[in-house]
């Protein structure tokens, strides 16, 4: 059964994820990805994604085509979590940190995954 808190819980999950991984993205870690769970997307969004990439022949083409859109979504989440990122940081220039949050697109471009959430099919 779905309740009114489900959307808030999903949003908070992604805010926490970007705040925890922010510094690893800045370090350009090749093993860190922002994970978006397909089960968190509504049916309309899934249909829009499928329609947008319908002309792509390979998974890589789909990934590259979606990269700009997904990067912008992650950047919006990072902006929402700016206060959390700042609160977890000590001894850092506040202006530099805010600028880093605004530059998150550079860090997360091609560093995301759309995962099913199924342990055997992630």
Protein backbone atom coordinates (compact mmCIF):
# COMPACT_ATOMS: atom_id res chain seq x y z
CA UNK A 1 0.00 0.00 0.00
CA UNK A 2 1.34 3.39 -0.96
CA UNK A 3 1.17 6.27 1.49
CA UNK A 4 1.98 9.97 1.31
CA UNK A 5 5.47 9.46 2.75
CA UNK A 6 6.69 7.21 -0.09
CA UNK A 7 7.70 10.12 -2.34
CA UNK A 8 9.47 11.89 0.55
CA UNK A 9 11.37 8.71 1.42
CA UNK A 10 12.49 8.27 -2.22
CA UNK A 11 13.62 11.89 -2.45
CA UNK A 12 15.54 11.67 0.82
CA UNK A 13 17.24 8.45 -0.33
CA UNK A 14 18.75 10.27 -3.32
CA UNK A 15 19.71 13.34 -1.29
CA UNK A 16 21.55 11.14 1.18
CA UNK A 17 23.20 9.20 -1.65
CA UNK A 18 24.64 12.32 -3.34
CA UNK A 19 25.83 13.75 -0.04
CA UNK A 20 27.60 10.50 0.85
CA UNK A 21 29.20 10.08 -2.59
CA UNK A 22 29.92 13.74 -3.36
CA UNK A 23 33.60 13.65 -2.35
CA UNK A 24 34.18 10.39 -4.20
CA UNK A 25 32.71 11.94 -7.35
CA UNK A 26 35.08 14.87 -6.93
CA UNK A 27 38.01 12.46 -6.68
CA UNK A 28 36.86 10.93 -9.98
CA UNK A 29 36.60 7.45 -8.52
CA UNK A 30 35.89 5.02 -11.35
CA UNK A 31 34.00 2.69 -9.02
CA UNK A 32 31.42 5.15 -7.70
CA UNK A 33 28.11 5.65 -9.50
CA UNK A 34 24.92 7.47 -8.63
CA UNK A 35 22.29 4.75 -8.58
CA UNK A 36 18.75 5.43 -9.71
CA UNK A 37 16.36 2.61 -8.96
CA UNK A 38 13.86 1.85 -11.68
CA UNK A 39 11.27 0.91 -9.05
CA UNK A 40 11.34 4.55 -7.85
CA UNK A 41 10.26 5.83 -11.28
CA UNK A 42 6.58 6.09 -12.07
CA UNK A 43 5.13 4.39 -15.15
CA UNK A 44 4.87 7.66 -17.08
CA UNK A 45 8.57 8.39 -16.57
CA UNK A 46 9.54 4.89 -17.66
CA UNK A 47 7.43 5.25 -20.81
CA UNK A 48 9.00 8.66 -21.55
CA UNK A 49 12.49 7.19 -21.18
CA UNK A 50 11.65 4.24 -23.41
CA UNK A 51 10.21 6.56 -26.06
CA UNK A 52 13.23 8.88 -25.87
CA UNK A 53 15.73 6.07 -26.49
CA UNK A 54 13.65 3.97 -28.90
CA UNK A 55 15.94 4.82 -31.83
CA UNK A 56 19.07 3.67 -29.99
CA UNK A 57 20.36 0.28 -31.02
CA UNK A 58 22.73 -0.48 -28.14
CA UNK A 59 22.72 -0.04 -24.40
CA UNK A 60 25.67 2.31 -24.73
CA UNK A 61 23.77 4.53 -27.18
CA UNK A 62 20.85 4.69 -24.72
CA UNK A 63 23.19 5.55 -21.87
CA UNK A 64 24.87 8.32 -23.84
CA UNK A 65 21.55 9.75 -25.02
CA UNK A 66 20.14 9.80 -21.47
CA UNK A 67 23.34 11.17 -19.93
CA UNK A 68 22.49 14.86 -20.29
CA UNK A 69 19.02 14.48 -18.78
CA UNK A 70 20.11 12.24 -15.92
CA UNK A 71 23.10 14.47 -15.17
CA UNK A 72 20.74 17.44 -14.81
CA UNK A 73 18.48 15.47 -12.47
CA UNK A 74 21.47 14.53 -10.30
CA UNK A 75 22.65 18.15 -10.31
CA UNK A 76 19.22 19.24 -9.05
CA UNK A 77 19.42 16.63 -6.29
CA UNK A 78 22.91 17.86 -5.38
CA UNK A 79 21.61 21.42 -5.14
CA UNK A 80 18.84 20.23 -2.80
CA UNK A 81 21.42 18.44 -0.66
CA UNK A 82 23.90 21.33 -0.57
CA UNK A 83 23.13 22.04 3.09
CA UNK A 84 23.77 18.39 3.98
CA UNK A 85 27.06 18.30 2.05
CA UNK A 86 28.18 21.51 3.77
CA UNK A 87 27.18 20.25 7.22
CA UNK A 88 29.28 17.11 6.73
CA UNK A 89 32.37 19.12 5.85
CA UNK A 90 34.87 20.67 8.21
CA UNK A 91 37.80 22.98 7.56
CA UNK A 92 36.80 23.78 3.98
CA UNK A 93 36.25 27.15 2.35
CA UNK A 94 32.47 27.57 2.18
CA UNK A 95 32.54 29.44 -1.14
CA UNK A 96 34.73 26.76 -2.73
CA UNK A 97 32.38 24.07 -1.44
CA UNK A 98 29.30 25.82 -2.86
CA UNK A 99 31.07 26.21 -6.20
CA UNK A 100 31.90 22.49 -6.15
CA UNK A 101 28.23 21.63 -5.62
CA UNK A 102 27.36 23.84 -8.61
CA UNK A 103 29.97 21.99 -10.70
CA UNK A 104 28.55 18.55 -9.86
CA UNK A 105 27.47 18.01 -13.50
CA UNK A 106 31.11 17.60 -14.42
CA UNK A 107 31.60 15.00 -11.68
CA UNK A 108 28.51 12.87 -12.33
CA UNK A 109 28.33 12.92 -16.11
CA UNK A 110 28.54 9.28 -17.23
CA UNK A 111 28.80 8.25 -13.55
CA UNK A 112 25.23 7.02 -12.99
CA UNK A 113 23.36 3.76 -13.30
CA UNK A 114 19.71 2.95 -13.75
CA UNK A 115 19.34 -0.25 -11.76
CA UNK A 116 16.42 -2.60 -11.40
CA UNK A 117 16.95 -3.07 -7.68
CA UNK A 118 16.77 -6.83 -8.09
CA UNK A 119 19.90 -8.34 -6.53
CA UNK A 120 20.18 -10.86 -9.36
CA UNK A 121 19.51 -8.34 -12.12
CA UNK A 122 21.04 -5.05 -10.94
